Amino acid sequence: MIKVPAAPASRCSEPVCVPSGSSDGSRNTSSVLCNLEASDLTIRGHGDVHKPVIDSNHPDPGVLIQDGVVYAVTTSGDAPDAFPIMTSTDMVNWKLSGHVFPANAAGRPTWAVRDFWAPEIHRISASQYNVYFAARHKDGTLSVGVATGPTPLGPFSDLGAPLVHTPGMGNIDASFFRDGDNDYVIWKRDGNGAIPPVPTPIFVQRVINNGTTLAAEPYVAITNDQPWEGPLVEGPWIVKQGGMYYMFFSANGFTSPKYAIGVARSPNITGPYEKYASNPILHRDADASNPAGFTGPGHCSVVQTPHAKQWYVVYHAWHNGRIGGSNPRIMAVDELAFDQGDHWPHLTHNRTTPSFTPQPLPQV
C-alpha cells in the first residue's frame, strides 16, 4: 500500500502528482485527487513478484480465489497435519492458516493410511467447499477422496469412503469443474505405478450430490502419447475460455528435470481433446546451471482474478541443481494469457520457462 500525506490545513480540488513509495521499496509518481479536507490518502501500489512466492516444500498447489483471499492447499505426504492451507491477498505474501485434516481431527479419512497427495479446494455453494485429494487406501491402493466443509478453511470431514477406488490400480490427482448445471471430476489413472507400467489416462466423469457421487461412465480425455510426455500425464486442471475447455496437465516424472506443463483443448468437456502442437508451454530453464532458475515446473492450478480478469498459473518447481531427495518443491506464479490469434495460452513474459526476474504484482 502507498500512503500519501497531505499538507496540514491544505485544500485541493484538482489532481496533483505526488511521489509515492510502496512497501516493497519501489518508487512511483501517483496522480491524486484530494478531498476537500486535508487527510492522508492510501492507495494500492503496484509491486513485483519475485520467485519463489513460497520457498519451502509446497508441491501440487491447488488454488482457489474467494472473496479477495487466495487459498493454496498442497501435498503433505505423511505429515501428521495433512494438507496445509496457505492464504494470501496478493499471491505473493502467504501465511499458514490451517490444515484440511489436522492430526487427530474427527474428519480425517479412516480409510487412508498415508501418502496424502495433490489436494484441491473447490467452492460448491456458499456453505459448502469440497477438497479432492489422493491418499493410500488400507489395501495399498492410491485412491481419490472427498471431504466437505462450510468454509475454505473447514473444518472438513471426509465422506467415509473413497470417491474413486480401483483395487490394484491407483487413482490420483483429482480436480473438479462446474459446467453450468453439471459437475465433473477429473483424475489420473496411475498406470506408471503398475508393474509393468501401463499408459496413464486422464478421465473426466460427471458427479452428482454436490460433487460427492460418481455418475455415468468416465471419458478418457488424454493419455501419454507424445514423446515429451514420457511415462505419464497427470495433474489435470480445466478452465473454460472462449467457448473452449482447456485442460492443463503435467508430464514426465516429477523428479525428472523433464517434468513440464502442457495444455489440450476441446469444445466439449468430455473431449476429445487436441493437444497443443507447441507443448510444453512451461518447462525447465535451458541453462540448468543458473542458480536463479528453476527445474521441473509442474502440477499447476490456473486461476483468473475476479476483478482484473488476469490469468495466472500457480505451480511447483525445483531450484536448479537441487532436485529430488529432501530438496523442496517451491511454489511459483506466472501470468498467463490466451493468444488473440490461435487462442492457445502462453506465459506473458514471452518465455516457456519460469520467470526468475521480477514480474508485475497480481491484482487480486
Foldseek 3Di string as FASTA:
>chain_A
DKKDFFDAADADAAWDWDWIADPVGDIDIDTDGDDRGGDMDDDDDKDWAFPPLFQFFFAQWAWDDDPQKIWTWGADWADQQGTFIWIDNFNRHIDTDAGQRHHPDPQDAPQFDTRWGRWYWDDLDQQKIKIWTWGAGPLGAIAIWIWIAGDSRGPTHTPRDGQGDDPPWHKGQWDWDDDPPWIKIKTWTPQVPHVPRDKIFIWIFTADPSRRHTDDDIAGADIPDDPLQPRTKGQWEWDDDPQKIKIKIWGDDQLDLSIAIWIWIASDPRDNTHTDPPPDQEAFDPPLVPQLTWGRWGNWYWDADPPVRWIKIKTWTFGRPQTDDNGHGTIHMFTWDQDPPPRHIHTPVPDRYDDNDIDITGDD
